[in-house]
Amino acid sequence: MTTQTLTVGIVGLGAIGLHLARALDAGVPGLKLAAVAVRDRDRAVAGMKGFRDRPLILDIAKLPRECDIIVEAAPASVFEEAATAAIEAGCIFVPSSCGALLPRMHLIDRARETGARIIIPTGALLGLDAVRAAAEGDVSSVTIETRKPPAGLLGAPYLVEHDISLDGLTGAKLVFKGNAFDAAQGFPANVNVAAALALAGIGPERTMVEIWADPSVTRNTHTIRVEAAAARLTMTIENVPSEANPKTGKITALSILACLRGLTSTLKVGS
């Protein structure tokens, strides 16, 4: 029996993408880093210095020519271009900015037509398997409370639009309360966790979100509560922020790597 090797392309070589690229270059059975798409070519070349097998640097539109899997690890503004390139070519699309998928659900219909697959990694969350299982039955409510150091929320469109200042905070401040659809648009770099939870469970309109700026925390903290016919779930995860980008946790890149391993591994744990 021969084992198929899947080629991987990464859009973006920031905190998530570069970590993932290094891991793939070091060697993951069944996977090969074939190409990357970046805004700053010189920075990418510097970041990949020392790679055993440096990938091609291509425009996003050309990635599907070289890649079976396209991972989006870029700012949310690039999401649609990366998603469209992957889906139109029938590739496997793995987004880190899954919040950007919520207002673009037509992409799922298009993927069905082209034979593409959209695989959303667990990311900075936990318990998505349990949420998905519960959603096969009746679920009455799903909520997620996110607490981040103020620096991790700076620049969020919702804060800018509503003139919410986080300067000099001495205590926790509730900066958003609403559903996952609105949260993903107002905080595109911060609440991909809420989008993943919504897609795994009862949808973005019914999944409720609270976002707190909390100077007392040093980790991005997410608490999920689910009331379902099959189970009552309460789960909390405290993620260490990335040094390169405090808006995302270190575990996000690791989660994408684990997701990719699951595509080729002989043994896959979890639904």
C-alpha atoms as a PDB file:
ATOM      1  CA  MET A   1       0.000   0.000   0.000  1.00  0.00           C
ATOM      2  CA  THR A   2       1.362   3.420  -0.918  1.00  0.00           C
ATOM      3  CA  THR A   3       0.682   6.433   1.278  1.00  0.00           C
ATOM      4  CA  GLN A   4      -0.430   9.558  -0.530  1.00  0.00           C
ATOM      5  CA  THR A   5       1.469  12.732   0.266  1.00  0.00           C
ATOM      6  CA  LEU A   6      -0.687  15.845   0.358  1.00  0.00           C
ATOM      7  CA  THR A   7       0.886  19.142  -0.603  1.00  0.00           C
ATOM      8  CA  VAL A   8       0.210  22.156   1.589  1.00  0.00           C
ATOM      9  CA  GLY A   9       0.116  25.861   0.787  1.00  0.00           C
ATOM     10  CA  ILE A  10       0.024  28.533   3.482  1.00  0.00           C
ATOM     11  CA  VAL A  11      -1.403  32.022   3.033  1.00  0.00           C
ATOM     12  CA  GLY A  12       0.468  34.244   5.465  1.00  0.00           C
ATOM     13  CA  LEU A  13       3.685  33.687   7.411  1.00  0.00           C
ATOM     14  CA  GLY A  14       2.894  35.536  10.614  1.00  0.00           C
ATOM     15  CA  ALA A  15       2.574  34.123  14.119  1.00  0.00           C
ATOM     16  CA  ILE A  16       0.496  31.169  12.922  1.00  0.00           C
ATOM     17  CA  GLY A  17       1.763  30.567   9.408  1.00  0.00           C
ATOM     18  CA  LEU A  18       5.492  30.609  10.121  1.00  0.00           C
ATOM     19  CA  HIS A  19       5.151  28.237  13.066  1.00  0.00           C
ATOM     20  CA  LEU A  20       3.161  25.870  10.884  1.00  0.00           C
ATOM     21  CA  ALA A  21       5.644  26.167   8.006  1.00  0.00           C
ATOM     22  CA  ARG A  22       8.555  25.299  10.298  1.00  0.00           C
ATOM     23  CA  ALA A  23       6.755  22.243  11.621  1.00  0.00           C
ATOM     24  CA  LEU A  24       5.938  21.001   8.125  1.00  0.00           C
ATOM     25  CA  ASP A  25       9.492  21.595   6.946  1.00  0.00           C
ATOM     26  CA  ALA A  26      10.785  19.601   9.917  1.00  0.00           C
ATOM     27  CA  GLY A  27       8.687  16.701   8.668  1.00  0.00           C
ATOM     28  CA  VAL A  28       5.089  15.531   9.074  1.00  0.00           C
ATOM     29  CA  PRO A  29       4.241  12.122   7.584  1.00  0.00           C
ATOM     30  CA  GLY A  30       1.981  12.411   4.565  1.00  0.00           C
ATOM     31  CA  LEU A  31       2.340  16.189   4.243  1.00  0.00           C
ATOM     32  CA  LYS A  32       4.707  18.420   2.260  1.00  0.00           C
ATOM     33  CA  LEU A  33       4.926  22.202   2.392  1.00  0.00           C
ATOM     34  CA  ALA A  34       4.843  23.148  -1.285  1.00  0.00           C
ATOM     35  CA  ALA A  35       4.163  26.884  -1.428  1.00  0.00           C
ATOM     36  CA  VAL A  36       3.362  30.028   0.529  1.00  0.00           C
ATOM     37  CA  ALA A  37       1.676  33.309  -0.351  1.00  0.00           C
ATOM     38  CA  VAL A  38       2.854  36.433   1.482  1.00  0.00           C
ATOM     39  CA  ARG A  39       2.721  40.211   1.317  1.00  0.00           C
ATOM     40  CA  ASP A  40       6.406  40.720   2.101  1.00  0.00           C
ATOM     41  CA  ARG A  41       8.596  38.382   0.073  1.00  0.00           C
ATOM     42  CA  ASP A  42      11.887  39.456   1.663  1.00  0.00           C
ATOM     43  CA  ARG A  43      10.518  38.917   5.160  1.00  0.00           C
ATOM     44  CA  ALA A  44       9.243  35.490   4.153  1.00  0.00           C
ATOM     45  CA  VAL A  45      12.627  34.499   2.744  1.00  0.00           C
ATOM     46  CA  ALA A  46      14.283  35.609   5.973  1.00  0.00           C
ATOM     47  CA  GLY A  47      11.749  33.713   8.063  1.00  0.00           C
ATOM     48  CA  MET A  48      12.338  30.523   6.104  1.00  0.00           C
ATOM     49  CA  LYS A  49      16.115  30.740   6.299  1.00  0.00           C
ATOM     50  CA  GLY A  50      17.460  27.349   7.242  1.00  0.00           C
ATOM     51  CA  PHE A  51      14.492  25.387   5.895  1.00  0.00           C
ATOM     52  CA  ARG A  52      15.494  21.990   4.564  1.00  0.00           C
ATOM     53  CA  ASP A  53      13.186  22.320   1.554  1.00  0.00           C
ATOM     54  CA  ARG A  54      12.071  25.912   1.058  1.00  0.00           C
ATOM     55  CA  PRO A  55       8.628  26.188  -0.575  1.00  0.00           C
ATOM     56  CA  LEU A  56       7.712  28.264  -3.588  1.00  0.00           C
ATOM     57  CA  ILE A  57       6.512  31.822  -2.988  1.00  0.00           C
ATOM     58  CA  LEU A  58       3.448  32.402  -5.137  1.00  0.00           C
ATOM     59  CA  ASP A  59       0.443  34.650  -5.513  1.00  0.00           C
ATOM     60  CA  ILE A  60      -2.658  33.339  -3.749  1.00  0.00           C
ATOM     61  CA  ALA A  61      -4.392  32.598  -7.046  1.00  0.00           C
ATOM     62  CA  LYS A  62      -1.553  30.277  -8.087  1.00  0.00           C
ATOM     63  CA  LEU A  63      -1.435  28.184  -4.896  1.00  0.00           C
ATOM     64  CA  PRO A  64      -3.973  25.595  -6.109  1.00  0.00           C
ATOM     65  CA  ARG A  65      -1.648  24.660  -8.983  1.00  0.00           C
ATOM     66  CA  GLU A  66       0.844  23.293  -6.446  1.00  0.00           C
ATOM     67  CA  CYS A  67      -1.255  22.426  -3.392  1.00  0.00           C
ATOM     68  CA  ASP A  68      -3.913  19.947  -2.301  1.00  0.00           C
ATOM     69  CA  ILE A  69      -4.502  21.835   0.954  1.00  0.00           C
ATOM     70  CA  ILE A  70      -4.564  25.600   1.411  1.00  0.00           C
ATOM     71  CA  VAL A  71      -4.246  26.974   4.931  1.00  0.00           C
ATOM     72  CA  GLU A  72      -5.359  30.556   5.515  1.00  0.00           C
ATOM     73  CA  ALA A  73      -3.227  32.111   8.278  1.00  0.00           C
ATOM     74  CA  ALA A  74      -3.471  35.752   7.248  1.00  0.00           C
ATOM     75  CA  PRO A  75      -5.454  38.840   8.284  1.00  0.00           C
ATOM     76  CA  ALA A  76      -9.200  38.425   7.792  1.00  0.00           C
ATOM     77  CA  SER A  77      -9.058  40.903   4.896  1.00  0.00           C
ATOM     78  CA  VAL A  78      -7.360  38.208   2.793  1.00  0.00           C
ATOM     79  CA  PHE A  79      -9.876  35.505   3.689  1.00  0.00           C
ATOM     80  CA  GLU A  80     -12.170  35.742   0.683  1.00  0.00           C
ATOM     81  CA  GLU A  81      -9.330  35.707  -1.843  1.00  0.00           C
ATOM     82  CA  ALA A  82      -7.733  32.661  -0.214  1.00  0.00           C
ATOM     83  CA  ALA A  83     -11.046  30.857   0.225  1.00  0.00           C
ATOM     84  CA  THR A  84     -12.144  31.499  -3.350  1.00  0.00           C
ATOM     85  CA  ALA A  85      -8.854  30.271  -4.805  1.00  0.00           C
ATOM     86  CA  ALA A  86      -9.016  27.038  -2.794  1.00  0.00           C
ATOM     87  CA  ILE A  87     -12.706  26.339  -3.282  1.00  0.00           C
ATOM     88  CA  GLU A  88     -12.828  27.058  -7.011  1.00  0.00           C
ATOM     89  CA  ALA A  89      -9.946  24.595  -7.500  1.00  0.00           C
ATOM     90  CA  GLY A  90     -11.589  21.888  -5.394  1.00  0.00           C
ATOM     91  CA  CYS A  91      -8.859  21.979  -2.731  1.00  0.00           C
ATOM     92  CA  ILE A  92      -9.105  21.354   0.992  1.00  0.00           C
ATOM     93  CA  PHE A  93      -9.394  24.770   2.644  1.00  0.00           C
ATOM     94  CA  VAL A  94      -8.311  25.154   6.283  1.00  0.00           C
ATOM     95  CA  PRO A  95      -9.087  28.657   7.595  1.00  0.00           C
ATOM     96  CA  SER A  96      -7.711  30.189  10.777  1.00  0.00           C
ATOM     97  CA  SER A  97      -9.972  33.248  10.316  1.00  0.00           C
ATOM     98  CA  CYS A  98     -13.124  31.152  10.461  1.00  0.00           C
ATOM     99  CA  GLY A  99     -15.082  34.141  11.743  1.00  0.00           C
ATOM    100  CA  ALA A 100     -14.815  35.525   8.211  1.00  0.00           C
ATOM    101  CA  LEU A 101     -16.807  32.531   6.986  1.00  0.00           C
ATOM    102  CA  LEU A 102     -19.981  33.518   8.849  1.00  0.00           C
ATOM    103  CA  PRO A 103     -20.996  36.351   6.475  1.00  0.00           C
ATOM    104  CA  ARG A 104     -19.856  34.232   3.505  1.00  0.00           C
ATOM    105  CA  MET A 105     -21.818  31.027   3.963  1.00  0.00           C
ATOM    106  CA  HIS A 106     -22.327  30.896   0.187  1.00  0.00           C
ATOM    107  CA  LEU A 107     -18.757  29.581   0.042  1.00  0.00           C
ATOM    108  CA  ILE A 108     -19.982  26.341   1.606  1.00  0.00           C
ATOM    109  CA  ASP A 109     -22.531  25.919  -1.182  1.00  0.00           C
ATOM    110  CA  ARG A 110     -19.835  26.636  -3.751  1.00  0.00           C
ATOM    111  CA  ALA A 111     -17.501  24.077  -2.173  1.00  0.00           C
ATOM    112  CA  ARG A 112     -20.262  21.504  -2.499  1.00  0.00           C
ATOM    113  CA  GLU A 113     -20.407  22.255  -6.223  1.00  0.00           C
ATOM    114  CA  THR A 114     -16.645  22.139  -6.848  1.00  0.00           C
ATOM    115  CA  GLY A 115     -15.837  19.195  -4.584  1.00  0.00           C
ATOM    116  CA  ALA A 116     -13.750  21.322  -2.226  1.00  0.00           C
ATOM    117  CA  ARG A 117     -13.767  20.740   1.532  1.00  0.00           C
ATOM    118  CA  ILE A 118     -13.697  23.380   4.267  1.00  0.00           C
ATOM    119  CA  ILE A 119     -12.137  22.042   7.461  1.00  0.00           C
ATOM    120  CA  ILE A 120     -12.187  24.320  10.489  1.00  0.00           C
ATOM    121  CA  PRO A 121      -9.575  23.458  13.118  1.00  0.00           C
ATOM    122  CA  THR A 122     -10.462  23.570  16.790  1.00  0.00           C
ATOM    123  CA  GLY A 123      -8.115  26.524  17.197  1.00  0.00           C
ATOM    124  CA  ALA A 124      -7.996  28.149  20.623  1.00  0.00           C
ATOM    125  CA  LEU A 125     -11.039  26.260  21.890  1.00  0.00           C
ATOM    126  CA  LEU A 126     -11.714  22.922  23.490  1.00  0.00           C
ATOM    127  CA  GLY A 127     -14.621  20.549  23.510  1.00  0.00           C
ATOM    128  CA  LEU A 128     -15.848  21.075  19.946  1.00  0.00           C
ATOM    129  CA  ASP A 129     -16.301  17.309  19.602  1.00  0.00           C
ATOM    130  CA  ALA A 130     -18.675  17.373  22.571  1.00  0.00           C
ATOM    131  CA  VAL A 131     -20.542  20.399  21.191  1.00  0.00           C
ATOM    132  CA  ARG A 132     -20.929  18.721  17.788  1.00  0.00           C
ATOM    133  CA  ALA A 133     -22.192  15.565  19.448  1.00  0.00           C
ATOM    134  CA  ALA A 134     -24.685  17.492  21.582  1.00  0.00           C
ATOM    135  CA  ALA A 135     -25.909  19.368  18.489  1.00  0.00           C
ATOM    136  CA  GLU A 136     -27.030  16.066  16.966  1.00  0.00           C
ATOM    137  CA  GLY A 137     -29.807  16.307  19.584  1.00  0.00           C
ATOM    138  CA  ASP A 138     -31.622  19.228  21.175  1.00  0.00           C
ATOM    139  CA  VAL A 139     -29.549  22.184  22.426  1.00  0.00           C
ATOM    140  CA  SER A 140     -31.240  25.014  24.285  1.00  0.00           C
ATOM    141  CA  SER A 141     -28.300  27.411  24.633  1.00  0.00           C
ATOM    142  CA  VAL A 142     -24.612  27.919  23.856  1.00  0.00           C
ATOM    143  CA  THR A 143     -22.620  30.793  25.320  1.00  0.00           C
ATOM    144  CA  ILE A 144     -18.939  31.738  25.268  1.00  0.00           C
ATOM    145  CA  GLU A 145     -17.254  34.272  27.531  1.00  0.00           C
ATOM    146  CA  THR A 146     -13.894  35.544  26.281  1.00  0.00           C
ATOM    147  CA  ARG A 147     -11.469  37.454  28.498  1.00  0.00           C
ATOM    148  CA  LYS A 148      -8.313  38.961  27.046  1.00  0.00           C
ATOM    149  CA  PRO A 149      -5.636  41.394  28.171  1.00  0.00           C
ATOM    150  CA  PRO A 150      -6.587  44.837  26.782  1.00  0.00           C
ATOM    151  CA  ALA A 151      -3.640  44.785  24.362  1.00  0.00           C
ATOM    152  CA  GLY A 152      -5.132  41.737  22.663  1.00  0.00           C
ATOM    153  CA  LEU A 153      -8.268  43.669  21.721  1.00  0.00           C
ATOM    154  CA  LEU A 154      -6.735  46.925  20.519  1.00  0.00           C
ATOM    155  CA  GLY A 155      -7.821  48.021  17.056  1.00  0.00           C
ATOM    156  CA  ALA A 156     -10.950  45.867  16.921  1.00  0.00           C
ATOM    157  CA  PRO A 157     -13.480  47.485  14.535  1.00  0.00           C
ATOM    158  CA  TYR A 158     -16.265  47.328  17.145  1.00  0.00           C
ATOM    159  CA  LEU A 159     -14.184  49.273  19.674  1.00  0.00           C
ATOM    160  CA  VAL A 160     -13.263  51.889  17.089  1.00  0.00           C
ATOM    161  CA  GLU A 161     -16.830  52.243  15.814  1.00  0.00           C
ATOM    162  CA  HIS A 162     -18.258  52.659  19.330  1.00  0.00           C
ATOM    163  CA  ASP A 163     -15.361  54.790  20.612  1.00  0.00           C
ATOM    164  CA  ILE A 164     -14.572  52.341  23.413  1.00  0.00           C
ATOM    165  CA  SER A 165     -11.235  53.099  25.057  1.00  0.00           C
ATOM    166  CA  LEU A 166      -9.221  50.469  26.904  1.00  0.00           C
ATOM    167  CA  ASP A 167      -6.564  52.892  28.136  1.00  0.00           C
ATOM    168  CA  GLY A 168      -5.765  52.722  31.832  1.00  0.00           C
ATOM    169  CA  LEU A 169      -8.154  49.921  32.699  1.00  0.00           C
ATOM    170  CA  THR A 170      -7.845  48.826  36.327  1.00  0.00           C
ATOM    171  CA  GLY A 171     -10.658  46.283  36.259  1.00  0.00           C
ATOM    172  CA  ALA A 172     -12.449  43.987  33.829  1.00  0.00           C
ATOM    173  CA  LYS A 173     -14.660  45.761  31.281  1.00  0.00           C
ATOM    174  CA  LEU A 174     -17.426  44.149  29.232  1.00  0.00           C
ATOM    175  CA  VAL A 175     -16.897  45.507  25.716  1.00  0.00           C
ATOM    176  CA  PHE A 176     -19.349  43.334  23.770  1.00  0.00           C
ATOM    177  CA  LYS A 177     -22.433  41.221  24.395  1.00  0.00           C
ATOM    178  CA  GLY A 178     -24.360  39.732  21.491  1.00  0.00           C
ATOM    179  CA  ASN A 179     -24.415  36.827  19.075  1.00  0.00           C
ATOM    180  CA  ALA A 180     -21.493  35.160  17.335  1.00  0.00           C
ATOM    181  CA  PHE A 181     -22.339  36.643  13.938  1.00  0.00           C
ATOM    182  CA  ASP A 182     -22.011  40.213  15.222  1.00  0.00           C
ATOM    183  CA  ALA A 183     -18.992  39.346  17.368  1.00  0.00           C
ATOM    184  CA  ALA A 184     -17.093  37.916  14.401  1.00  0.00           C
ATOM    185  CA  GLN A 185     -17.636  41.094  12.395  1.00  0.00           C
ATOM    186  CA  GLY A 186     -16.778  43.429  15.257  1.00  0.00           C
ATOM    187  CA  PHE A 187     -13.712  41.509  16.419  1.00  0.00           C
ATOM    188  CA  PRO A 188     -12.364  39.680  13.333  1.00  0.00           C
ATOM    189  CA  ALA A 189      -8.935  39.051  14.866  1.00  0.00           C
ATOM    190  CA  ASN A 190     -10.225  37.965  18.256  1.00  0.00           C
ATOM    191  CA  VAL A 191     -13.270  35.723  18.187  1.00  0.00           C
ATOM    192  CA  ASN A 192     -12.648  33.038  15.609  1.00  0.00           C
ATOM    193  CA  VAL A 193     -13.264  30.819  18.619  1.00  0.00           C
ATOM    194  CA  ALA A 194     -16.871  32.002  18.773  1.00  0.00           C
ATOM    195  CA  ALA A 195     -17.328  31.345  15.062  1.00  0.00           C
ATOM    196  CA  ALA A 196     -15.951  27.814  15.362  1.00  0.00           C
ATOM    197  CA  LEU A 197     -18.235  27.163  18.319  1.00  0.00           C
ATOM    198  CA  ALA A 198     -21.246  28.494  16.413  1.00  0.00           C
ATOM    199  CA  LEU A 199     -20.532  26.355  13.357  1.00  0.00           C
ATOM    200  CA  ALA A 200     -20.042  23.264  15.523  1.00  0.00           C
ATOM    201  CA  GLY A 201     -23.244  23.846  17.449  1.00  0.00           C
ATOM    202  CA  ILE A 202     -26.461  25.808  16.948  1.00  0.00           C
ATOM    203  CA  GLY A 203     -25.366  28.512  14.516  1.00  0.00           C
ATOM    204  CA  PRO A 204     -24.116  32.103  14.761  1.00  0.00           C
ATOM    205  CA  GLU A 205     -27.478  33.725  15.499  1.00  0.00           C
ATOM    206  CA  ARG A 206     -28.169  31.593  18.600  1.00  0.00           C
ATOM    207  CA  THR A 207     -24.633  31.346  19.960  1.00  0.00           C
ATOM    208  CA  MET A 208     -24.189  34.140  22.490  1.00  0.00           C
ATOM    209  CA  VAL A 209     -20.871  35.887  23.135  1.00  0.00           C
ATOM    210  CA  GLU A 210     -19.423  38.098  25.866  1.00  0.00           C
ATOM    211  CA  ILE A 211     -16.044  39.773  25.348  1.00  0.00           C
ATOM    212  CA  TRP A 212     -14.185  41.262  28.297  1.00  0.00           C
ATOM    213  CA  ALA A 213     -11.041  43.380  28.359  1.00  0.00           C
ATOM    214  CA  ASP A 214      -9.424  42.261  31.589  1.00  0.00           C
ATOM    215  CA  PRO A 215      -6.065  43.655  32.784  1.00  0.00           C
ATOM    216  CA  SER A 216      -5.905  40.981  35.491  1.00  0.00           C
ATOM    217  CA  VAL A 217      -5.488  38.116  32.992  1.00  0.00           C
ATOM    218  CA  THR A 218      -2.295  37.244  31.167  1.00  0.00           C
ATOM    219  CA  ARG A 219      -3.863  34.524  29.027  1.00  0.00           C
ATOM    220  CA  ASN A 220      -6.666  34.580  26.461  1.00  0.00           C
ATOM    221  CA  THR A 221      -9.424  32.828  28.404  1.00  0.00           C
ATOM    222  CA  HIS A 222     -12.559  31.265  26.928  1.00  0.00           C
ATOM    223  CA  THR A 223     -15.383  29.714  28.933  1.00  0.00           C
ATOM    224  CA  ILE A 224     -18.051  27.736  27.082  1.00  0.00           C
ATOM    225  CA  ARG A 225     -21.415  26.786  28.547  1.00  0.00           C
ATOM    226  CA  VAL A 226     -23.809  24.454  26.738  1.00  0.00           C
ATOM    227  CA  GLU A 227     -27.263  23.369  27.847  1.00  0.00           C
ATOM    228  CA  ALA A 228     -28.401  20.355  25.828  1.00  0.00           C
ATOM    229  CA  ALA A 229     -30.708  17.400  26.157  1.00  0.00           C
ATOM    230  CA  ALA A 230     -27.737  15.024  26.156  1.00  0.00           C
ATOM    231  CA  ALA A 231     -25.394  16.908  28.462  1.00  0.00           C
ATOM    232  CA  ARG A 232     -24.569  20.112  30.314  1.00  0.00           C
ATOM    233  CA  LEU A 233     -21.085  21.329  29.378  1.00  0.00           C
ATOM    234  CA  THR A 234     -18.913  23.926  31.098  1.00  0.00           C
ATOM    235  CA  MET A 235     -15.388  24.242  29.732  1.00  0.00           C
ATOM    236  CA  THR A 236     -12.616  26.799  30.239  1.00  0.00           C
ATOM    237  CA  ILE A 237      -9.334  27.147  28.382  1.00  0.00           C
ATOM    238  CA  GLU A 238      -6.551  29.644  29.144  1.00  0.00           C
ATOM    239  CA  ASN A 239      -4.325  30.185  26.118  1.00  0.00           C
ATOM    240  CA  VAL A 240      -0.879  31.737  26.214  1.00  0.00           C
ATOM    241  CA  PRO A 241      -0.828  34.687  23.762  1.00  0.00           C
ATOM    242  CA  SER A 242       1.688  34.565  20.945  1.00  0.00           C
ATOM    243  CA  GLU A 243       4.671  36.871  21.404  1.00  0.00           C
ATOM    244  CA  ALA A 244       4.432  37.824  17.730  1.00  0.00           C
ATOM    245  CA  ASN A 245       0.713  38.625  17.882  1.00  0.00           C
ATOM    246  CA  PRO A 246      -1.093  38.899  21.251  1.00  0.00           C
ATOM    247  CA  LYS A 247      -4.460  38.713  19.477  1.00  0.00           C
ATOM    248  CA  THR A 248      -3.925  34.989  18.916  1.00  0.00           C
ATOM    249  CA  GLY A 249      -2.873  32.168  21.202  1.00  0.00           C
ATOM    250  CA  LYS A 250       0.131  29.898  20.782  1.00  0.00           C
ATOM    251  CA  ILE A 251      -2.173  26.896  20.632  1.00  0.00           C
ATOM    252  CA  THR A 252      -3.822  28.097  17.396  1.00  0.00           C
ATOM    253  CA  ALA A 253      -0.906  27.116  15.163  1.00  0.00           C
ATOM    254  CA  LEU A 254      -0.580  23.804  17.014  1.00  0.00           C
ATOM    255  CA  SER A 255      -4.266  23.129  16.455  1.00  0.00           C
ATOM    256  CA  ILE A 256      -3.923  23.654  12.703  1.00  0.00           C
ATOM    257  CA  LEU A 257      -0.931  21.315  12.653  1.00  0.00           C
ATOM    258  CA  ALA A 258      -2.940  18.672  14.530  1.00  0.00           C
ATOM    259  CA  CYS A 259      -5.801  19.179  12.063  1.00  0.00           C
ATOM    260  CA  LEU A 260      -3.470  18.603   9.110  1.00  0.00           C
ATOM    261  CA  ARG A 261      -1.984  15.499  10.717  1.00  0.00           C
ATOM    262  CA  GLY A 262      -5.499  14.110  11.021  1.00  0.00           C
ATOM    263  CA  LEU A 263      -5.946  14.289   7.265  1.00  0.00           C
ATOM    264  CA  THR A 264      -3.231  11.686   6.643  1.00  0.00           C
ATOM    265  CA  SER A 265      -2.695   9.797   9.908  1.00  0.00           C
ATOM    266  CA  THR A 266      -3.573   6.122  10.262  1.00  0.00           C
ATOM    267  CA  LEU A 267      -5.102   6.717  13.688  1.00  0.00           C
ATOM    268  CA  LYS A 268      -7.293   9.791  14.199  1.00  0.00           C
ATOM    269  CA  VAL A 269      -8.670  10.483  17.655  1.00  0.00           C
ATOM    270  CA  GLY A 270     -11.884  12.501  17.969  1.00  0.00           C
ATOM    271  CA  SER A 271     -14.856  12.910  15.707  1.00  0.00           C
END
